[in-house]
Amino acid sequence: MPELPEVETMCRGISPIVGRRVQLIEQPPIACRPCLIEPSAKTMHRRLSGKTVSAIERRGKRVMIRFENDHRIVIEPRMSGLVLLSDPPGVDHLRLRIDFDSVKTQPALQLLVWDRRGLGTIRLMSPTEYETNVDARLGEDALLIRQSTLTERLSASARPIKVALLDQSVVAGIGNLYAAEILFVAGIDPRLACRKLTRPQWSRLHSAIGVVLREAIANEGSTLSDGTYRNALNQSGNYQNMHRVYDRADEACSRCEKGTIRRIVQAQRSTFFCNHCQKRSGVHASVK
């Protein structure tokens, strides 16, 4: 489930490891399905032991630990992955452990990668591998993309706008939950084909992307009913309490009070929208 706001929150939460040296990298023994770790944890340890973390970065939905030699551990949490500095939800699904040294009066730190389903990936990449496998394959970050770029890349597409927003090669970081919230704020029907959006709709869409994602980051992301997502300090997010349409099927619309939130399926994912505010022809609503 982690999308851009949750991953951004994870990155901020693990920032204390910047300036720390790697002491140990290991893969705890587990009985469940392993996630992808390339190269092996032993090889990562050999290559990074004694190396200092120079930065924590985010690219779309990926957490990246950058080292003094510009190599990166790139973590893609996917559906149920977490990157933490404190106790994970349990030890049965702990995928990777990295021990860092102590600094002056500050104690040693331990970074943990936890993944219940084992769908996430953990890769150590050289600068060249990163440019080829991450930078070149992802679109511009959702928080940085310009309206002109967004419009240029999608305006000729026949895909429904909700489906197109999930294409990470176009815009990186928007997942299913936030795509629904963004389209509601923009007043756009998720079924509307990209090529049928008007100029005002593209403007509202671009504004709504920033509004929703920054709002979610400020509220530490969304912890849904399964309770899986936790921030790096093992705390729940708060943004689920502010969802306007997501997982609110059959409830009255909080904005217009005339429509009802509907649930449909698009590209095998649930979509939630107001059947009054988000008419297929679009509405001239302000972003709010």
C-alpha atoms as a PDB file:
ATOM      1  CA  MET A   1       0.000   0.000   0.000  1.00  0.00           C
ATOM      2  CA  PRO A   2       2.793   2.549   0.587  1.00  0.00           C
ATOM      3  CA  GLU A   3       2.508   5.377  -1.938  1.00  0.00           C
ATOM      4  CA  LEU A   4       4.427   8.630  -2.210  1.00  0.00           C
ATOM      5  CA  PRO A   5       3.234  10.163   1.111  1.00  0.00           C
ATOM      6  CA  GLU A   6       3.985   7.000   3.088  1.00  0.00           C
ATOM      7  CA  VAL A   7       7.379   6.547   1.427  1.00  0.00           C
ATOM      8  CA  GLU A   8       8.243  10.219   1.999  1.00  0.00           C
ATOM      9  CA  THR A   9       7.324   9.765   5.656  1.00  0.00           C
ATOM     10  CA  MET A  10       9.516   6.650   5.871  1.00  0.00           C
ATOM     11  CA  CYS A  11      12.428   8.591   4.374  1.00  0.00           C
ATOM     12  CA  ARG A  12      12.078  11.394   6.897  1.00  0.00           C
ATOM     13  CA  GLY A  13      11.791   8.889   9.718  1.00  0.00           C
ATOM     14  CA  ILE A  14      15.034   7.066   8.906  1.00  0.00           C
ATOM     15  CA  SER A  15      17.042  10.279   8.374  1.00  0.00           C
ATOM     16  CA  PRO A  16      18.967   9.742  11.658  1.00  0.00           C
ATOM     17  CA  ILE A  17      21.110   7.138   9.867  1.00  0.00           C
ATOM     18  CA  VAL A  18      22.695   9.875   7.707  1.00  0.00           C
ATOM     19  CA  GLY A  19      26.332  10.170   8.752  1.00  0.00           C
ATOM     20  CA  ARG A  20      26.378   6.672  10.276  1.00  0.00           C
ATOM     21  CA  ARG A  21      28.694   3.878   9.145  1.00  0.00           C
ATOM     22  CA  VAL A  22      27.469   0.406   8.254  1.00  0.00           C
ATOM     23  CA  GLN A  23      28.533  -2.267  10.729  1.00  0.00           C
ATOM     24  CA  LEU A  24      26.464  -5.238   9.601  1.00  0.00           C
ATOM     25  CA  ILE A  25      23.975  -6.132   6.877  1.00  0.00           C
ATOM     26  CA  GLU A  26      22.165  -9.433   7.261  1.00  0.00           C
ATOM     27  CA  GLN A  27      19.043 -11.252   6.146  1.00  0.00           C
ATOM     28  CA  PRO A  28      17.245 -12.773   9.148  1.00  0.00           C
ATOM     29  CA  PRO A  29      16.148 -16.409   8.703  1.00  0.00           C
ATOM     30  CA  ILE A  30      12.438 -16.644   7.882  1.00  0.00           C
ATOM     31  CA  ALA A  31      10.085 -19.478   6.966  1.00  0.00           C
ATOM     32  CA  CYS A  32       7.826 -17.451   4.665  1.00  0.00           C
ATOM     33  CA  ARG A  33       8.230 -16.413   1.058  1.00  0.00           C
ATOM     34  CA  PRO A  34      11.471 -14.433   0.593  1.00  0.00           C
ATOM     35  CA  CYS A  35      11.440 -11.046  -1.085  1.00  0.00           C
ATOM     36  CA  LEU A  36      13.890 -10.082  -3.814  1.00  0.00           C
ATOM     37  CA  ILE A  37      17.288  -8.996  -2.477  1.00  0.00           C
ATOM     38  CA  GLU A  38      19.963  -8.267  -5.117  1.00  0.00           C
ATOM     39  CA  PRO A  39      22.781  -8.958  -4.573  1.00  0.00           C
ATOM     40  CA  SER A  40      22.607 -11.095  -1.430  1.00  0.00           C
ATOM     41  CA  ALA A  41      22.754  -9.513   2.014  1.00  0.00           C
ATOM     42  CA  LYS A  42      26.221 -11.027   2.456  1.00  0.00           C
ATOM     43  CA  THR A  43      27.443  -9.311  -0.714  1.00  0.00           C
ATOM     44  CA  MET A  44      25.857  -6.028   0.368  1.00  0.00           C
ATOM     45  CA  HIS A  45      27.693  -6.307   3.685  1.00  0.00           C
ATOM     46  CA  ARG A  46      30.992  -6.945   1.956  1.00  0.00           C
ATOM     47  CA  ARG A  47      30.570  -3.956  -0.350  1.00  0.00           C
ATOM     48  CA  LEU A  48      29.182  -1.496   2.194  1.00  0.00           C
ATOM     49  CA  SER A  49      30.800  -2.414   5.509  1.00  0.00           C
ATOM     50  CA  GLY A  50      32.376   0.735   6.934  1.00  0.00           C
ATOM     51  CA  LYS A  51      30.702   2.986   4.356  1.00  0.00           C
ATOM     52  CA  THR A  52      28.895   6.126   5.548  1.00  0.00           C
ATOM     53  CA  VAL A  53      25.324   7.059   4.623  1.00  0.00           C
ATOM     54  CA  SER A  54      25.435  10.387   2.796  1.00  0.00           C
ATOM     55  CA  ALA A  55      21.709  10.926   2.148  1.00  0.00           C
ATOM     56  CA  ILE A  56      18.216   9.472   2.293  1.00  0.00           C
ATOM     57  CA  GLU A  57      16.392   9.971  -0.996  1.00  0.00           C
ATOM     58  CA  ARG A  58      13.020   9.154  -2.490  1.00  0.00           C
ATOM     59  CA  ARG A  59      12.170   8.443  -6.116  1.00  0.00           C
ATOM     60  CA  GLY A  60       8.464   7.885  -6.654  1.00  0.00           C
ATOM     61  CA  LYS A  61       7.552   5.017  -4.308  1.00  0.00           C
ATOM     62  CA  ARG A  62      11.146   3.991  -3.593  1.00  0.00           C
ATOM     63  CA  VAL A  63      13.183   4.590  -0.441  1.00  0.00           C
ATOM     64  CA  MET A  64      16.862   5.063  -1.263  1.00  0.00           C
ATOM     65  CA  ILE A  65      19.843   4.980   1.079  1.00  0.00           C
ATOM     66  CA  ARG A  66      22.761   6.709  -0.603  1.00  0.00           C
ATOM     67  CA  PHE A  67      26.342   6.058   0.502  1.00  0.00           C
ATOM     68  CA  GLU A  68      29.576   8.020   0.297  1.00  0.00           C
ATOM     69  CA  ASN A  69      30.579   6.124  -2.881  1.00  0.00           C
ATOM     70  CA  ASP A  70      27.230   7.076  -4.542  1.00  0.00           C
ATOM     71  CA  HIS A  71      25.967   3.495  -4.441  1.00  0.00           C
ATOM     72  CA  ARG A  72      22.366   3.194  -3.273  1.00  0.00           C
ATOM     73  CA  ILE A  73      20.259   0.614  -1.531  1.00  0.00           C
ATOM     74  CA  VAL A  74      16.951   1.029  -3.348  1.00  0.00           C
ATOM     75  CA  ILE A  75      13.940  -0.301  -1.432  1.00  0.00           C
ATOM     76  CA  GLU A  76      10.554  -0.620  -3.099  1.00  0.00           C
ATOM     77  CA  PRO A  77       8.035  -1.446  -0.328  1.00  0.00           C
ATOM     78  CA  ARG A  78       5.150  -2.217  -2.706  1.00  0.00           C
ATOM     79  CA  MET A  79       1.961  -3.551  -1.075  1.00  0.00           C
ATOM     80  CA  SER A  80       2.974  -4.227   2.514  1.00  0.00           C
ATOM     81  CA  GLY A  81       6.593  -3.200   3.024  1.00  0.00           C
ATOM     82  CA  LEU A  82       7.892  -0.965   5.802  1.00  0.00           C
ATOM     83  CA  VAL A  83      11.251   0.654   6.519  1.00  0.00           C
ATOM     84  CA  LEU A  84      11.689   1.334  10.231  1.00  0.00           C
ATOM     85  CA  LEU A  85      14.136   2.273  12.946  1.00  0.00           C
ATOM     86  CA  SER A  86      12.146   0.642  15.736  1.00  0.00           C
ATOM     87  CA  ASP A  87      10.151  -2.507  16.408  1.00  0.00           C
ATOM     88  CA  PRO A  88       8.454  -3.933  13.297  1.00  0.00           C
ATOM     89  CA  PRO A  89       4.926  -5.420  13.470  1.00  0.00           C
ATOM     90  CA  GLY A  90       6.523  -8.834  14.000  1.00  0.00           C
ATOM     91  CA  VAL A  91       9.742 -10.775  13.441  1.00  0.00           C
ATOM     92  CA  ASP A  92       8.280 -13.405  11.099  1.00  0.00           C
ATOM     93  CA  HIS A  93       8.395 -11.081   8.085  1.00  0.00           C
ATOM     94  CA  LEU A  94      11.641  -9.216   8.745  1.00  0.00           C
ATOM     95  CA  ARG A  95      13.563  -9.191   5.461  1.00  0.00           C
ATOM     96  CA  LEU A  96      16.745  -7.182   6.066  1.00  0.00           C
ATOM     97  CA  ARG A  97      18.610  -5.711   9.020  1.00  0.00           C
ATOM     98  CA  ILE A  98      21.311  -3.040   8.809  1.00  0.00           C
ATOM     99  CA  ASP A  99      23.298  -2.103  11.907  1.00  0.00           C
ATOM    100  CA  PHE A 100      24.918   1.337  12.085  1.00  0.00           C
ATOM    101  CA  ASP A 101      27.577   2.589  14.484  1.00  0.00           C
ATOM    102  CA  SER A 102      27.107   4.935  17.421  1.00  0.00           C
ATOM    103  CA  VAL A 103      28.064   8.607  17.108  1.00  0.00           C
ATOM    104  CA  LYS A 104      29.483  10.445  20.137  1.00  0.00           C
ATOM    105  CA  THR A 105      26.735  10.293  22.763  1.00  0.00           C
ATOM    106  CA  GLN A 106      24.114   8.903  20.349  1.00  0.00           C
ATOM    107  CA  PRO A 107      23.511   5.146  20.478  1.00  0.00           C
ATOM    108  CA  ALA A 108      23.878   2.743  17.583  1.00  0.00           C
ATOM    109  CA  LEU A 109      20.948   2.472  15.179  1.00  0.00           C
ATOM    110  CA  GLN A 110      19.326  -0.420  13.400  1.00  0.00           C
ATOM    111  CA  LEU A 111      17.362  -0.136  10.167  1.00  0.00           C
ATOM    112  CA  LEU A 112      14.772  -2.824   9.501  1.00  0.00           C
ATOM    113  CA  VAL A 113      12.965  -3.749   6.303  1.00  0.00           C
ATOM    114  CA  TRP A 114       9.723  -5.598   7.051  1.00  0.00           C
ATOM    115  CA  ASP A 115       7.381  -7.021   4.415  1.00  0.00           C
ATOM    116  CA  ARG A 116       4.408  -9.221   5.268  1.00  0.00           C
ATOM    117  CA  ARG A 117       3.696 -10.364   1.704  1.00  0.00           C
ATOM    118  CA  GLY A 118       7.240 -10.458   0.410  1.00  0.00           C
ATOM    119  CA  LEU A 119       6.353  -8.465  -2.714  1.00  0.00           C
ATOM    120  CA  GLY A 120       8.885  -5.702  -2.163  1.00  0.00           C
ATOM    121  CA  THR A 121      12.400  -5.490  -3.569  1.00  0.00           C
ATOM    122  CA  ILE A 122      15.755  -4.484  -2.091  1.00  0.00           C
ATOM    123  CA  ARG A 123      18.580  -3.747  -4.504  1.00  0.00           C
ATOM    124  CA  LEU A 124      22.094  -2.389  -4.158  1.00  0.00           C
ATOM    125  CA  MET A 125      22.861  -0.293  -7.240  1.00  0.00           C
ATOM    126  CA  SER A 126      25.923   1.447  -8.582  1.00  0.00           C
ATOM    127  CA  PRO A 127      25.382   4.939 -10.058  1.00  0.00           C
ATOM    128  CA  THR A 128      25.194   3.424 -13.570  1.00  0.00           C
ATOM    129  CA  GLU A 129      22.745   0.722 -12.494  1.00  0.00           C
ATOM    130  CA  TYR A 130      20.584   3.335 -10.789  1.00  0.00           C
ATOM    131  CA  GLU A 131      20.457   5.556 -13.865  1.00  0.00           C
ATOM    132  CA  THR A 132      19.524   2.596 -16.069  1.00  0.00           C
ATOM    133  CA  ASN A 133      17.048   0.778 -13.821  1.00  0.00           C
ATOM    134  CA  VAL A 134      15.370   3.565 -11.857  1.00  0.00           C
ATOM    135  CA  ASP A 135      16.023   7.036 -13.234  1.00  0.00           C
ATOM    136  CA  ALA A 136      15.392   6.140 -16.867  1.00  0.00           C
ATOM    137  CA  ARG A 137      12.267   4.083 -16.187  1.00  0.00           C
ATOM    138  CA  LEU A 138      10.306   6.431 -13.936  1.00  0.00           C
ATOM    139  CA  GLY A 139       8.449   9.569 -14.902  1.00  0.00           C
ATOM    140  CA  GLU A 140       8.909  12.823 -13.065  1.00  0.00           C
ATOM    141  CA  ASP A 141       8.092  12.846  -9.378  1.00  0.00           C
ATOM    142  CA  ALA A 142       4.460  13.680  -8.659  1.00  0.00           C
ATOM    143  CA  LEU A 143       5.460  16.540  -6.358  1.00  0.00           C
ATOM    144  CA  LEU A 144       7.784  18.058  -8.946  1.00  0.00           C
ATOM    145  CA  ILE A 145       6.069  17.510 -12.281  1.00  0.00           C
ATOM    146  CA  ARG A 146       4.919  20.643 -14.111  1.00  0.00           C
ATOM    147  CA  GLN A 147       1.403  21.025 -15.414  1.00  0.00           C
ATOM    148  CA  SER A 148       2.704  21.374 -18.963  1.00  0.00           C
ATOM    149  CA  THR A 149       4.625  18.106 -18.679  1.00  0.00           C
ATOM    150  CA  LEU A 150       1.674  16.243 -17.179  1.00  0.00           C
ATOM    151  CA  THR A 151      -0.632  17.494 -19.930  1.00  0.00           C
ATOM    152  CA  GLU A 152       1.858  16.774 -22.690  1.00  0.00           C
ATOM    153  CA  ARG A 153       2.379  13.176 -21.594  1.00  0.00           C
ATOM    154  CA  LEU A 154      -1.264  12.265 -21.066  1.00  0.00           C
ATOM    155  CA  SER A 155      -3.517  14.523 -23.148  1.00  0.00           C
ATOM    156  CA  ALA A 156      -3.467  12.261 -26.231  1.00  0.00           C
ATOM    157  CA  SER A 157      -4.173   9.071 -24.288  1.00  0.00           C
ATOM    158  CA  ALA A 158      -7.468   7.212 -24.555  1.00  0.00           C
ATOM    159  CA  ARG A 159      -6.989   5.690 -21.108  1.00  0.00           C
ATOM    160  CA  PRO A 160      -9.267   6.733 -18.249  1.00  0.00           C
ATOM    161  CA  ILE A 161      -7.509   9.455 -16.265  1.00  0.00           C
ATOM    162  CA  LYS A 162      -7.524   7.381 -13.044  1.00  0.00           C
ATOM    163  CA  VAL A 163      -5.724   4.502 -14.773  1.00  0.00           C
ATOM    164  CA  ALA A 164      -3.233   6.857 -16.426  1.00  0.00           C
ATOM    165  CA  LEU A 165      -2.271   8.458 -13.108  1.00  0.00           C
ATOM    166  CA  LEU A 166      -1.097   5.042 -11.887  1.00  0.00           C
ATOM    167  CA  ASP A 167       1.440   4.750 -14.724  1.00  0.00           C
ATOM    168  CA  GLN A 168       4.769   5.259 -12.963  1.00  0.00           C
ATOM    169  CA  SER A 169       6.570   5.848 -16.257  1.00  0.00           C
ATOM    170  CA  VAL A 170       4.472   9.001 -16.711  1.00  0.00           C
ATOM    171  CA  VAL A 171       4.360  10.387 -13.180  1.00  0.00           C
ATOM    172  CA  ALA A 172       6.087   8.640 -10.287  1.00  0.00           C
ATOM    173  CA  GLY A 173       4.574   8.206  -6.850  1.00  0.00           C
ATOM    174  CA  ILE A 174       0.774   8.231  -7.272  1.00  0.00           C
ATOM    175  CA  GLY A 175      -0.959   5.007  -6.294  1.00  0.00           C
ATOM    176  CA  ASN A 176      -4.548   3.850  -6.197  1.00  0.00           C
ATOM    177  CA  LEU A 177      -5.633   5.520  -2.965  1.00  0.00           C
ATOM    178  CA  TYR A 178      -4.280   8.971  -3.729  1.00  0.00           C
ATOM    179  CA  ALA A 179      -5.359   8.904  -7.375  1.00  0.00           C
ATOM    180  CA  ALA A 180      -8.981   8.625  -6.188  1.00  0.00           C
ATOM    181  CA  GLU A 181      -8.525  11.431  -3.672  1.00  0.00           C
ATOM    182  CA  ILE A 182      -6.794  13.673  -6.230  1.00  0.00           C
ATOM    183  CA  LEU A 183      -9.546  13.266  -8.814  1.00  0.00           C
ATOM    184  CA  PHE A 184     -12.215  14.049  -6.240  1.00  0.00           C
ATOM    185  CA  VAL A 185     -10.440  17.249  -5.190  1.00  0.00           C
ATOM    186  CA  ALA A 186     -10.078  18.186  -8.867  1.00  0.00           C
ATOM    187  CA  GLY A 187     -13.749  17.411  -9.586  1.00  0.00           C
ATOM    188  CA  ILE A 188     -12.949  14.997 -12.417  1.00  0.00           C
ATOM    189  CA  ASP A 189     -14.711  11.726 -13.194  1.00  0.00           C
ATOM    190  CA  PRO A 190     -12.111   8.916 -12.932  1.00  0.00           C
ATOM    191  CA  ARG A 191     -13.609   7.276 -16.043  1.00  0.00           C
ATOM    192  CA  LEU A 192     -13.016  10.298 -18.253  1.00  0.00           C
ATOM    193  CA  ALA A 193     -10.524   9.630 -21.063  1.00  0.00           C
ATOM    194  CA  CYS A 194      -7.350  11.714 -20.767  1.00  0.00           C
ATOM    195  CA  ARG A 195      -7.833  13.126 -24.267  1.00  0.00           C
ATOM    196  CA  LYS A 196     -11.202  14.567 -23.253  1.00  0.00           C
ATOM    197  CA  LEU A 197      -9.958  16.617 -20.334  1.00  0.00           C
ATOM    198  CA  THR A 198     -10.235  20.352 -20.823  1.00  0.00           C
ATOM    199  CA  ARG A 199      -7.503  22.886 -20.086  1.00  0.00           C
ATOM    200  CA  PRO A 200      -9.181  23.950 -16.806  1.00  0.00           C
ATOM    201  CA  GLN A 201      -9.436  20.309 -15.778  1.00  0.00           C
ATOM    202  CA  TRP A 202      -5.716  19.752 -16.375  1.00  0.00           C
ATOM    203  CA  SER A 203      -5.004  22.818 -14.268  1.00  0.00           C
ATOM    204  CA  ARG A 204      -7.215  21.599 -11.437  1.00  0.00           C
ATOM    205  CA  LEU A 205      -5.722  18.125 -11.643  1.00  0.00           C
ATOM    206  CA  HIS A 206      -2.175  19.412 -11.343  1.00  0.00           C
ATOM    207  CA  SER A 207      -3.118  21.582  -8.357  1.00  0.00           C
ATOM    208  CA  ALA A 208      -4.962  18.704  -6.694  1.00  0.00           C
ATOM    209  CA  ILE A 209      -1.912  16.438  -6.947  1.00  0.00           C
ATOM    210  CA  GLY A 210       0.100  18.876  -4.850  1.00  0.00           C
ATOM    211  CA  VAL A 211      -2.730  19.571  -2.402  1.00  0.00           C
ATOM    212  CA  VAL A 212      -3.516  15.917  -1.642  1.00  0.00           C
ATOM    213  CA  LEU A 213       0.049  14.584  -1.519  1.00  0.00           C
ATOM    214  CA  ARG A 214       1.381  17.390   0.687  1.00  0.00           C
ATOM    215  CA  GLU A 215      -1.636  17.106   2.959  1.00  0.00           C
ATOM    216  CA  ALA A 216      -1.053  13.356   3.303  1.00  0.00           C
ATOM    217  CA  ILE A 217       2.672  13.834   4.014  1.00  0.00           C
ATOM    218  CA  ALA A 218       1.876  16.383   6.720  1.00  0.00           C
ATOM    219  CA  ASN A 219      -0.405  13.785   8.316  1.00  0.00           C
ATOM    220  CA  GLU A 220       2.154  10.930   8.169  1.00  0.00           C
ATOM    221  CA  GLY A 221       0.340   8.994   5.433  1.00  0.00           C
ATOM    222  CA  SER A 222      -2.619   6.608   5.660  1.00  0.00           C
ATOM    223  CA  THR A 223      -2.922   3.562   7.907  1.00  0.00           C
ATOM    224  CA  LEU A 224      -5.859   1.544   6.565  1.00  0.00           C
ATOM    225  CA  SER A 225      -8.051  -1.001   8.338  1.00  0.00           C
ATOM    226  CA  ASP A 226      -5.454  -3.776   8.020  1.00  0.00           C
ATOM    227  CA  GLY A 227      -3.102  -1.675  10.157  1.00  0.00           C
ATOM    228  CA  THR A 228      -0.081  -2.587   8.024  1.00  0.00           C
ATOM    229  CA  TYR A 229       1.394   0.835   7.335  1.00  0.00           C
ATOM    230  CA  ARG A 230       3.480   2.306  10.141  1.00  0.00           C
ATOM    231  CA  ASN A 231       5.961   5.137   9.907  1.00  0.00           C
ATOM    232  CA  ALA A 232       9.664   4.690  10.644  1.00  0.00           C
ATOM    233  CA  LEU A 233       9.014   5.090  14.381  1.00  0.00           C
ATOM    234  CA  ASN A 234       6.320   2.373  14.341  1.00  0.00           C
ATOM    235  CA  GLN A 235       3.430   4.842  14.608  1.00  0.00           C
ATOM    236  CA  SER A 236       0.193   4.956  12.600  1.00  0.00           C
ATOM    237  CA  GLY A 237      -0.486   7.622  10.004  1.00  0.00           C
ATOM    238  CA  ASN A 238      -3.387  10.070  10.375  1.00  0.00           C
ATOM    239  CA  TYR A 239      -4.467  10.831   6.831  1.00  0.00           C
ATOM    240  CA  GLN A 240      -6.992   7.974   6.703  1.00  0.00           C
ATOM    241  CA  ASN A 241      -9.164  10.158   8.932  1.00  0.00           C
ATOM    242  CA  MET A 242      -9.227  12.793   6.179  1.00  0.00           C
ATOM    243  CA  HIS A 243     -10.072  10.615   3.179  1.00  0.00           C
ATOM    244  CA  ARG A 244     -12.788  12.268   1.128  1.00  0.00           C
ATOM    245  CA  VAL A 245     -13.834   9.278  -1.013  1.00  0.00           C
ATOM    246  CA  TYR A 246     -11.434   6.366  -0.603  1.00  0.00           C
ATOM    247  CA  ASP A 247     -13.126   3.376   1.073  1.00  0.00           C
ATOM    248  CA  ARG A 248     -16.277   5.447   1.680  1.00  0.00           C
ATOM    249  CA  ALA A 249     -18.637   3.673  -0.721  1.00  0.00           C
ATOM    250  CA  ASP A 250     -22.355   4.423  -0.178  1.00  0.00           C
ATOM    251  CA  GLU A 251     -21.640   7.381   2.111  1.00  0.00           C
ATOM    252  CA  ALA A 252     -22.970  10.865   1.347  1.00  0.00           C
ATOM    253  CA  CYS A 253     -20.496  13.198  -0.331  1.00  0.00           C
ATOM    254  CA  SER A 254     -18.978  15.570   2.214  1.00  0.00           C
ATOM    255  CA  ARG A 255     -18.589  18.346  -0.379  1.00  0.00           C
ATOM    256  CA  CYS A 256     -21.851  18.581  -2.289  1.00  0.00           C
ATOM    257  CA  GLU A 257     -24.097  16.657   0.155  1.00  0.00           C
ATOM    258  CA  LYS A 258     -26.166  15.629  -2.867  1.00  0.00           C
ATOM    259  CA  GLY A 259     -24.168  12.767  -4.296  1.00  0.00           C
ATOM    260  CA  THR A 260     -23.204   9.353  -2.972  1.00  0.00           C
ATOM    261  CA  ILE A 261     -19.721   7.879  -3.042  1.00  0.00           C
ATOM    262  CA  ARG A 262     -19.609   5.033  -5.542  1.00  0.00           C
ATOM    263  CA  ARG A 263     -17.130   2.205  -5.903  1.00  0.00           C
ATOM    264  CA  ILE A 264     -16.195   0.825  -9.321  1.00  0.00           C
ATOM    265  CA  VAL A 265     -13.296  -1.301 -10.546  1.00  0.00           C
ATOM    266  CA  GLN A 266     -10.706   0.076 -12.966  1.00  0.00           C
ATOM    267  CA  ALA A 267      -7.649  -1.901 -14.055  1.00  0.00           C
ATOM    268  CA  GLN A 268      -8.469  -4.419 -11.303  1.00  0.00           C
ATOM    269  CA  ARG A 269      -8.303  -1.710  -8.623  1.00  0.00           C
ATOM    270  CA  SER A 270     -11.097  -0.119  -6.610  1.00  0.00           C
ATOM    271  CA  THR A 271     -12.014   3.436  -7.554  1.00  0.00           C
ATOM    272  CA  PHE A 272     -14.130   5.691  -5.341  1.00  0.00           C
ATOM    273  CA  PHE A 273     -15.847   8.883  -6.537  1.00  0.00           C
ATOM    274  CA  CYS A 274     -18.899  11.084  -6.043  1.00  0.00           C
ATOM    275  CA  ASN A 275     -21.595  10.486  -8.655  1.00  0.00           C
ATOM    276  CA  HIS A 276     -22.630  14.150  -8.443  1.00  0.00           C
ATOM    277  CA  CYS A 277     -19.421  16.180  -7.996  1.00  0.00           C
ATOM    278  CA  GLN A 278     -17.424  14.181 -10.511  1.00  0.00           C
ATOM    279  CA  LYS A 279     -19.638  14.099 -13.555  1.00  0.00           C
ATOM    280  CA  ARG A 280     -18.047  12.748 -16.711  1.00  0.00           C
ATOM    281  CA  SER A 281     -18.184  16.151 -18.389  1.00  0.00           C
ATOM    282  CA  GLY A 282     -16.304  17.685 -15.438  1.00  0.00           C
ATOM    283  CA  VAL A 283     -17.321  20.402 -13.000  1.00  0.00           C
ATOM    284  CA  HIS A 284     -15.942  23.847 -12.464  1.00  0.00           C
ATOM    285  CA  ALA A 285     -15.059  23.240  -8.828  1.00  0.00           C
ATOM    286  CA  SER A 286     -12.268  24.921  -6.977  1.00  0.00           C
ATOM    287  CA  VAL A 287      -9.513  22.772  -5.543  1.00  0.00           C
ATOM    288  CA  LYS A 288     -10.260  22.158  -1.866  1.00  0.00           C
END
